[in-house]
Amino acid sequence: MSDYKKPSLDELRSTLNKIQFNVTQEEGTEPAFNNQYWDNNVPGIYVDIVSGEALFSSLDKFDSHCGWPSFTQPIAGKLLTEKTDTKLFATRTEVRSSVADSHLGHLFEDGPAPAGVRYCINSAALRFIPVEQMAESGYQSLLSLFEQ
């Protein structure tokens, strides 16, 4: 897939559930340890639930014990944008998808080596596509990530 776009807000209201809309469009946060992918260990990719952009690979997912899916890096840096978030107790780095501008989560500097970063992402902002379904879902170009 390469024809990514952001649907209208009316379309998003009709296709996303309440928490998905709140997270992606209103910069909300879902509950820790009570979300779809925090403990998912199946090989595959995670795409923006709004546009379908491929964002993260299970190969870069790790258990950070925070209750949300955590990744050491995105599939490609250009797929994410970062902006300063000062809404809560401290200054943080917000992570957004580049095409749909979906709020995904935050970037922290407490991840594993070598980069030492943790992309802490809301499950509600993602759709998971297992390796077995990637080709039929239009992500065959990313199958090479899983070849050894």
N, C-alpha and C. Protein backbone atom coordinates (compact mmCIF):
# COMPACT_ATOMS: atom_id res chain seq x y z
N MET A 1 0.84 -1.19 0.00
CA MET A 1 0.00 0.00 0.00
C MET A 1 0.87 1.24 0.00
N SER A 2 0.44 2.23 -0.73
CA SER A 2 1.17 3.48 -0.71
C SER A 2 0.26 4.69 -0.87
N ASP A 3 -1.02 4.46 -1.05
CA ASP A 3 -1.97 5.54 -1.23
C ASP A 3 -2.63 5.88 0.11
N TYR A 4 -1.83 6.41 1.01
CA TYR A 4 -2.32 6.72 2.34
C TYR A 4 -2.96 8.10 2.35
N LYS A 5 -4.05 8.23 3.08
CA LYS A 5 -4.69 9.54 3.23
C LYS A 5 -5.47 9.55 4.54
N LYS A 6 -5.78 10.74 4.99
CA LYS A 6 -6.59 10.88 6.18
C LYS A 6 -8.04 11.08 5.76
N PRO A 7 -8.92 10.20 6.21
CA PRO A 7 -10.35 10.39 5.91
C PRO A 7 -10.88 11.64 6.63
N SER A 8 -12.05 12.09 6.21
CA SER A 8 -12.67 13.25 6.86
C SER A 8 -13.02 12.90 8.31
N LEU A 9 -13.22 13.92 9.12
CA LEU A 9 -13.60 13.70 10.52
C LEU A 9 -14.93 12.96 10.62
N ASP A 10 -15.86 13.24 9.72
CA ASP A 10 -17.14 12.52 9.72
C ASP A 10 -16.92 11.03 9.46
N GLU A 11 -16.05 10.71 8.49
CA GLU A 11 -15.74 9.31 8.20
C GLU A 11 -15.09 8.65 9.43
N LEU A 12 -14.15 9.37 10.05
CA LEU A 12 -13.47 8.81 11.22
C LEU A 12 -14.43 8.57 12.37
N ARG A 13 -15.37 9.47 12.56
CA ARG A 13 -16.37 9.28 13.63
C ARG A 13 -17.22 8.04 13.39
N SER A 14 -17.42 7.70 12.12
CA SER A 14 -18.25 6.53 11.82
C SER A 14 -17.45 5.23 11.76
N THR A 15 -16.12 5.31 11.57
CA THR A 15 -15.34 4.07 11.44
C THR A 15 -14.52 3.73 12.69
N LEU A 16 -14.13 4.74 13.46
CA LEU A 16 -13.35 4.48 14.67
C LEU A 16 -14.27 4.38 15.88
N ASN A 17 -13.87 3.56 16.85
CA ASN A 17 -14.65 3.55 18.08
C ASN A 17 -14.28 4.77 18.91
N LYS A 18 -14.95 4.95 20.03
CA LYS A 18 -14.78 6.16 20.84
C LYS A 18 -13.34 6.36 21.31
N ILE A 19 -12.70 5.31 21.80
CA ILE A 19 -11.33 5.44 22.30
C ILE A 19 -10.35 5.67 21.15
N GLN A 20 -10.55 5.01 20.01
CA GLN A 20 -9.68 5.22 18.85
C GLN A 20 -9.76 6.67 18.38
N PHE A 21 -10.96 7.21 18.33
CA PHE A 21 -11.14 8.61 17.91
C PHE A 21 -10.50 9.54 18.93
N ASN A 22 -10.74 9.28 20.22
CA ASN A 22 -10.17 10.13 21.27
C ASN A 22 -8.65 10.13 21.22
N VAL A 23 -8.05 8.97 21.07
CA VAL A 23 -6.59 8.88 21.05
C VAL A 23 -6.02 9.56 19.80
N THR A 24 -6.50 9.21 18.62
CA THR A 24 -5.88 9.68 17.39
C THR A 24 -6.23 11.12 17.04
N GLN A 25 -7.44 11.56 17.37
CA GLN A 25 -7.88 12.88 16.94
C GLN A 25 -7.90 13.92 18.05
N GLU A 26 -7.97 13.46 19.30
CA GLU A 26 -8.06 14.39 20.44
C GLU A 26 -6.89 14.24 21.42
N GLU A 27 -5.86 13.51 20.98
CA GLU A 27 -4.64 13.33 21.77
C GLU A 27 -4.90 12.68 23.13
N GLY A 28 -5.82 11.73 23.14
CA GLY A 28 -6.13 11.01 24.37
C GLY A 28 -5.13 9.90 24.64
N THR A 29 -5.34 9.22 25.76
CA THR A 29 -4.50 8.08 26.14
C THR A 29 -5.41 6.97 26.65
N GLU A 30 -5.17 5.77 26.17
CA GLU A 30 -5.94 4.62 26.63
C GLU A 30 -5.34 4.10 27.94
N PRO A 31 -6.08 3.26 28.68
CA PRO A 31 -5.56 2.72 29.94
C PRO A 31 -4.37 1.77 29.73
N ALA A 32 -3.41 1.88 30.59
CA ALA A 32 -2.27 0.96 30.59
C ALA A 32 -2.74 -0.44 30.96
N PHE A 33 -2.11 -1.45 30.38
CA PHE A 33 -2.38 -2.87 30.64
C PHE A 33 -3.82 -3.28 30.32
N ASN A 34 -4.59 -2.40 29.74
CA ASN A 34 -5.97 -2.70 29.38
C ASN A 34 -6.21 -2.19 27.96
N ASN A 35 -5.36 -2.69 27.04
CA ASN A 35 -5.46 -2.29 25.65
C ASN A 35 -5.05 -3.47 24.77
N GLN A 36 -5.35 -3.39 23.53
CA GLN A 36 -5.28 -4.54 22.63
C GLN A 36 -3.88 -5.11 22.39
N TYR A 37 -2.85 -4.30 22.30
CA TYR A 37 -1.56 -4.81 21.82
C TYR A 37 -0.41 -4.75 22.81
N TRP A 38 -0.62 -4.32 24.04
CA TRP A 38 0.51 -4.16 24.96
C TRP A 38 1.27 -5.46 25.16
N ASP A 39 0.56 -6.60 25.09
CA ASP A 39 1.23 -7.89 25.28
C ASP A 39 1.16 -8.79 24.05
N ASN A 40 0.96 -8.20 22.88
CA ASN A 40 0.92 -8.97 21.64
C ASN A 40 2.35 -9.33 21.24
N ASN A 41 2.60 -10.62 20.99
CA ASN A 41 3.93 -11.08 20.60
C ASN A 41 3.94 -11.81 19.27
N VAL A 42 2.92 -11.60 18.46
CA VAL A 42 2.81 -12.24 17.16
C VAL A 42 3.63 -11.43 16.14
N PRO A 43 4.38 -12.10 15.24
CA PRO A 43 5.14 -11.37 14.22
C PRO A 43 4.22 -10.64 13.23
N GLY A 44 4.57 -9.41 12.93
CA GLY A 44 3.78 -8.62 11.99
C GLY A 44 4.11 -7.15 12.09
N ILE A 45 3.24 -6.33 11.50
CA ILE A 45 3.45 -4.89 11.51
C ILE A 45 2.25 -4.19 12.16
N TYR A 46 2.52 -3.00 12.61
CA TYR A 46 1.50 -2.14 13.20
C TYR A 46 1.34 -0.93 12.30
N VAL A 47 0.10 -0.67 11.88
CA VAL A 47 -0.16 0.43 10.97
C VAL A 47 -1.07 1.46 11.64
N ASP A 48 -1.02 2.68 11.13
CA ASP A 48 -1.88 3.76 11.62
C ASP A 48 -3.33 3.36 11.35
N ILE A 49 -4.15 3.32 12.39
CA ILE A 49 -5.54 2.91 12.23
C ILE A 49 -6.33 3.89 11.36
N VAL A 50 -5.84 5.12 11.24
CA VAL A 50 -6.53 6.14 10.45
C VAL A 50 -6.19 6.03 8.97
N SER A 51 -4.91 5.95 8.63
CA SER A 51 -4.49 6.01 7.22
C SER A 51 -4.01 4.68 6.64
N GLY A 52 -3.58 3.76 7.50
CA GLY A 52 -3.01 2.51 7.03
C GLY A 52 -1.50 2.55 6.85
N GLU A 53 -0.87 3.71 7.12
CA GLU A 53 0.60 3.80 7.02
C GLU A 53 1.25 2.75 7.92
N ALA A 54 2.20 2.01 7.38
CA ALA A 54 2.96 1.06 8.19
C ALA A 54 3.92 1.84 9.08
N LEU A 55 3.83 1.62 10.40
CA LEU A 55 4.60 2.43 11.35
C LEU A 55 5.66 1.65 12.10
N PHE A 56 5.30 0.48 12.64
CA PHE A 56 6.20 -0.27 13.50
C PHE A 56 6.17 -1.75 13.15
N SER A 57 7.26 -2.43 13.45
CA SER A 57 7.38 -3.87 13.24
C SER A 57 7.45 -4.57 14.59
N SER A 58 6.90 -5.76 14.65
CA SER A 58 7.00 -6.56 15.88
C SER A 58 8.46 -6.88 16.20
N LEU A 59 9.34 -6.81 15.19
CA LEU A 59 10.76 -7.08 15.42
C LEU A 59 11.40 -6.03 16.33
N ASP A 60 10.79 -4.86 16.40
CA ASP A 60 11.31 -3.77 17.23
C ASP A 60 10.46 -3.53 18.47
N LYS A 61 9.52 -4.42 18.74
CA LYS A 61 8.64 -4.30 19.91
C LYS A 61 9.33 -4.97 21.11
N PHE A 62 9.17 -4.37 22.27
CA PHE A 62 9.74 -4.97 23.49
C PHE A 62 8.83 -4.68 24.67
N ASP A 63 8.98 -5.46 25.72
CA ASP A 63 8.17 -5.29 26.93
C ASP A 63 8.87 -4.29 27.84
N SER A 64 8.33 -3.09 27.89
CA SER A 64 8.91 -2.04 28.72
C SER A 64 8.25 -1.99 30.09
N HIS A 65 7.28 -2.87 30.32
CA HIS A 65 6.55 -2.96 31.59
C HIS A 65 5.75 -1.70 31.88
N CYS A 66 5.39 -0.95 30.83
CA CYS A 66 4.62 0.28 31.04
C CYS A 66 3.13 0.08 30.76
N GLY A 67 2.76 -1.04 30.10
CA GLY A 67 1.36 -1.31 29.84
C GLY A 67 0.85 -0.85 28.49
N TRP A 68 1.74 -0.31 27.66
CA TRP A 68 1.41 0.07 26.29
C TRP A 68 2.42 -0.58 25.36
N PRO A 69 2.09 -0.77 24.09
CA PRO A 69 3.09 -1.29 23.15
C PRO A 69 4.28 -0.34 23.09
N SER A 70 5.48 -0.90 23.17
CA SER A 70 6.70 -0.10 23.11
C SER A 70 7.61 -0.63 22.02
N PHE A 71 8.23 0.28 21.29
CA PHE A 71 9.09 -0.06 20.16
C PHE A 71 10.41 0.70 20.27
N THR A 72 11.47 0.09 19.77
CA THR A 72 12.78 0.74 19.80
C THR A 72 12.96 1.71 18.62
N GLN A 73 12.18 1.51 17.57
CA GLN A 73 12.29 2.38 16.39
C GLN A 73 11.09 2.16 15.49
N PRO A 74 10.79 3.14 14.64
CA PRO A 74 9.73 2.93 13.63
C PRO A 74 10.30 2.17 12.44
N ILE A 75 9.45 1.70 11.56
CA ILE A 75 9.90 1.04 10.34
C ILE A 75 10.75 2.00 9.53
N ALA A 76 10.33 3.26 9.43
CA ALA A 76 11.10 4.30 8.74
C ALA A 76 10.82 5.63 9.42
N GLY A 77 11.84 6.40 9.67
CA GLY A 77 11.70 7.65 10.39
C GLY A 77 10.76 8.65 9.77
N LYS A 78 10.68 8.65 8.44
CA LYS A 78 9.84 9.64 7.77
C LYS A 78 8.35 9.41 8.00
N LEU A 79 7.99 8.27 8.55
CA LEU A 79 6.58 7.98 8.80
C LEU A 79 6.06 8.61 10.08
N LEU A 80 6.94 9.17 10.87
CA LEU A 80 6.55 9.77 12.13
C LEU A 80 6.97 11.23 12.19
N THR A 81 6.20 12.02 12.90
CA THR A 81 6.61 13.37 13.21
C THR A 81 6.63 13.49 14.73
N GLU A 82 7.44 14.39 15.20
CA GLU A 82 7.57 14.59 16.65
C GLU A 82 7.27 16.04 16.96
N LYS A 83 6.62 16.26 18.09
CA LYS A 83 6.39 17.62 18.52
C LYS A 83 6.44 17.68 20.04
N THR A 84 6.80 18.83 20.56
CA THR A 84 6.91 19.02 22.00
C THR A 84 5.52 19.06 22.62
N ASP A 85 5.35 18.31 23.69
CA ASP A 85 4.08 18.22 24.41
C ASP A 85 4.33 18.69 25.84
N THR A 86 3.67 19.75 26.24
CA THR A 86 3.83 20.28 27.60
C THR A 86 2.51 20.22 28.38
N LYS A 87 1.61 19.34 27.96
CA LYS A 87 0.28 19.29 28.56
C LYS A 87 0.24 18.73 29.99
N LEU A 88 1.14 17.84 30.32
CA LEU A 88 1.10 17.22 31.65
C LEU A 88 2.24 17.72 32.52
N PHE A 89 2.65 16.89 33.41
CA PHE A 89 3.63 17.24 34.44
C PHE A 89 5.02 17.60 33.94
N ALA A 90 5.37 17.23 32.74
CA ALA A 90 6.72 17.48 32.23
C ALA A 90 6.67 17.65 30.72
N THR A 91 7.74 18.15 30.17
CA THR A 91 7.85 18.26 28.71
C THR A 91 8.14 16.88 28.15
N ARG A 92 7.34 16.49 27.17
CA ARG A 92 7.51 15.19 26.53
C ARG A 92 7.55 15.39 25.03
N THR A 93 7.94 14.32 24.32
CA THR A 93 7.95 14.34 22.86
C THR A 93 6.77 13.52 22.36
N GLU A 94 5.82 14.19 21.75
CA GLU A 94 4.66 13.52 21.18
C GLU A 94 5.04 12.92 19.83
N VAL A 95 4.50 11.75 19.52
CA VAL A 95 4.74 11.07 18.24
C VAL A 95 3.43 11.02 17.47
N ARG A 96 3.50 11.44 16.20
CA ARG A 96 2.32 11.46 15.33
C ARG A 96 2.66 10.80 14.00
N SER A 97 1.66 10.27 13.33
CA SER A 97 1.88 9.71 12.00
C SER A 97 2.01 10.88 11.02
N SER A 98 2.79 10.68 9.97
CA SER A 98 3.07 11.80 9.07
C SER A 98 1.93 12.14 8.13
N VAL A 99 1.28 11.15 7.55
CA VAL A 99 0.23 11.43 6.58
C VAL A 99 -1.08 11.84 7.25
N ALA A 100 -1.57 11.05 8.19
CA ALA A 100 -2.86 11.32 8.81
C ALA A 100 -2.75 12.25 10.01
N ASP A 101 -1.54 12.51 10.47
CA ASP A 101 -1.30 13.35 11.65
C ASP A 101 -2.03 12.79 12.87
N SER A 102 -2.10 11.47 12.96
CA SER A 102 -2.73 10.81 14.11
C SER A 102 -1.82 10.90 15.33
N HIS A 103 -2.40 11.22 16.47
CA HIS A 103 -1.64 11.13 17.72
C HIS A 103 -1.44 9.64 17.99
N LEU A 104 -0.18 9.24 18.20
CA LEU A 104 0.14 7.83 18.44
C LEU A 104 0.53 7.59 19.90
N GLY A 105 1.34 8.46 20.46
CA GLY A 105 1.86 8.27 21.80
C GLY A 105 3.02 9.22 22.03
N HIS A 106 4.03 8.72 22.76
CA HIS A 106 5.18 9.56 23.11
C HIS A 106 6.50 8.81 22.96
N LEU A 107 7.55 9.58 22.82
CA LEU A 107 8.91 9.05 22.71
C LEU A 107 9.66 9.40 23.99
N PHE A 108 10.26 8.38 24.60
CA PHE A 108 11.01 8.56 25.84
C PHE A 108 12.45 8.10 25.64
N GLU A 109 13.34 8.62 26.43
CA GLU A 109 14.76 8.28 26.33
C GLU A 109 15.16 7.29 27.41
N ASP A 110 14.33 6.28 27.62
CA ASP A 110 14.62 5.25 28.62
C ASP A 110 14.52 3.84 28.04
N GLY A 111 14.76 3.73 26.74
CA GLY A 111 14.66 2.45 26.07
C GLY A 111 15.97 1.68 26.09
N PRO A 112 15.96 0.49 25.52
CA PRO A 112 17.16 -0.36 25.51
C PRO A 112 18.23 0.15 24.53
N ALA A 113 19.45 -0.32 24.71
CA ALA A 113 20.55 -0.01 23.81
C ALA A 113 20.24 -0.63 22.45
N PRO A 114 20.76 -0.16 21.36
CA PRO A 114 21.80 0.86 21.30
C PRO A 114 21.24 2.29 21.30
N ALA A 115 20.02 2.51 20.81
CA ALA A 115 19.51 3.88 20.67
C ALA A 115 19.03 4.47 21.98
N GLY A 116 18.55 3.63 22.89
CA GLY A 116 18.10 4.10 24.19
C GLY A 116 16.78 4.84 24.17
N VAL A 117 15.96 4.59 23.14
CA VAL A 117 14.66 5.25 23.07
C VAL A 117 13.53 4.25 23.14
N ARG A 118 12.37 4.75 23.57
CA ARG A 118 11.16 3.93 23.68
C ARG A 118 10.00 4.70 23.08
N TYR A 119 9.46 4.16 22.00
CA TYR A 119 8.24 4.71 21.42
C TYR A 119 7.08 4.04 22.15
N CYS A 120 6.43 4.77 23.02
CA CYS A 120 5.31 4.27 23.82
C CYS A 120 4.03 4.67 23.08
N ILE A 121 3.36 3.67 22.51
CA ILE A 121 2.29 3.93 21.54
C ILE A 121 0.96 3.35 22.03
N ASN A 122 -0.10 4.10 21.84
CA ASN A 122 -1.44 3.63 22.19
C ASN A 122 -1.90 2.56 21.20
N SER A 123 -2.37 1.44 21.72
CA SER A 123 -2.94 0.39 20.86
C SER A 123 -4.08 0.94 20.01
N ALA A 124 -4.86 1.85 20.58
CA ALA A 124 -6.03 2.39 19.90
C ALA A 124 -5.65 3.17 18.64
N ALA A 125 -4.39 3.54 18.50
CA ALA A 125 -3.94 4.26 17.30
C ALA A 125 -3.44 3.30 16.23
N LEU A 126 -3.43 2.02 16.53
CA LEU A 126 -2.82 1.03 15.66
C LEU A 126 -3.79 -0.04 15.19
N ARG A 127 -3.44 -0.63 14.06
CA ARG A 127 -4.07 -1.88 13.60
C ARG A 127 -2.92 -2.83 13.35
N PHE A 128 -3.03 -4.04 13.88
CA PHE A 128 -1.96 -5.03 13.73
C PHE A 128 -2.26 -5.93 12.54
N ILE A 129 -1.23 -6.18 11.73
CA ILE A 129 -1.36 -7.09 10.59
C ILE A 129 -0.31 -8.18 10.74
N PRO A 130 -0.75 -9.43 11.02
CA PRO A 130 0.20 -10.54 11.15
C PRO A 130 0.94 -10.78 9.83
N VAL A 131 2.14 -11.33 9.93
CA VAL A 131 2.97 -11.61 8.75
C VAL A 131 2.17 -12.36 7.69
N GLU A 132 1.39 -13.35 8.10
CA GLU A 132 0.64 -14.18 7.14
C GLU A 132 -0.38 -13.37 6.35
N GLN A 133 -0.79 -12.22 6.83
CA GLN A 133 -1.81 -11.42 6.15
C GLN A 133 -1.23 -10.16 5.49
N MET A 134 0.07 -9.95 5.61
CA MET A 134 0.66 -8.73 5.07
C MET A 134 0.53 -8.61 3.56
N ALA A 135 0.80 -9.67 2.81
CA ALA A 135 0.72 -9.61 1.35
C ALA A 135 -0.70 -9.32 0.89
N GLU A 136 -1.66 -10.05 1.42
CA GLU A 136 -3.05 -9.84 1.01
C GLU A 136 -3.61 -8.50 1.46
N SER A 137 -2.97 -7.89 2.47
CA SER A 137 -3.40 -6.57 2.96
C SER A 137 -2.67 -5.43 2.26
N GLY A 138 -1.76 -5.77 1.31
CA GLY A 138 -1.08 -4.75 0.53
C GLY A 138 0.27 -4.32 1.08
N TYR A 139 0.82 -5.07 2.01
CA TYR A 139 2.11 -4.71 2.62
C TYR A 139 3.20 -5.71 2.25
N GLN A 140 3.12 -6.32 1.06
CA GLN A 140 4.10 -7.32 0.64
C GLN A 140 5.51 -6.75 0.59
N SER A 141 5.65 -5.46 0.32
CA SER A 141 6.99 -4.86 0.25
C SER A 141 7.71 -4.88 1.59
N LEU A 142 6.98 -5.07 2.67
CA LEU A 142 7.60 -5.12 4.01
C LEU A 142 7.87 -6.53 4.50
N LEU A 143 7.52 -7.52 3.71
CA LEU A 143 7.77 -8.91 4.11
C LEU A 143 9.26 -9.19 4.26
N SER A 144 10.08 -8.45 3.54
CA SER A 144 11.53 -8.66 3.62
C SER A 144 12.06 -8.39 5.04
N LEU A 145 11.35 -7.59 5.83
CA LEU A 145 11.76 -7.36 7.21
C LEU A 145 11.81 -8.66 8.01
N PHE A 146 10.98 -9.63 7.62
CA PHE A 146 10.85 -10.87 8.39
C PHE A 146 11.60 -12.03 7.79
N GLU A 147 12.33 -11.79 6.69
CA GLU A 147 13.13 -12.85 6.08
C GLU A 147 14.48 -12.92 6.79
N GLN A 148 14.95 -14.14 6.99
CA GLN A 148 16.24 -14.30 7.71
C GLN A 148 17.33 -14.72 6.79
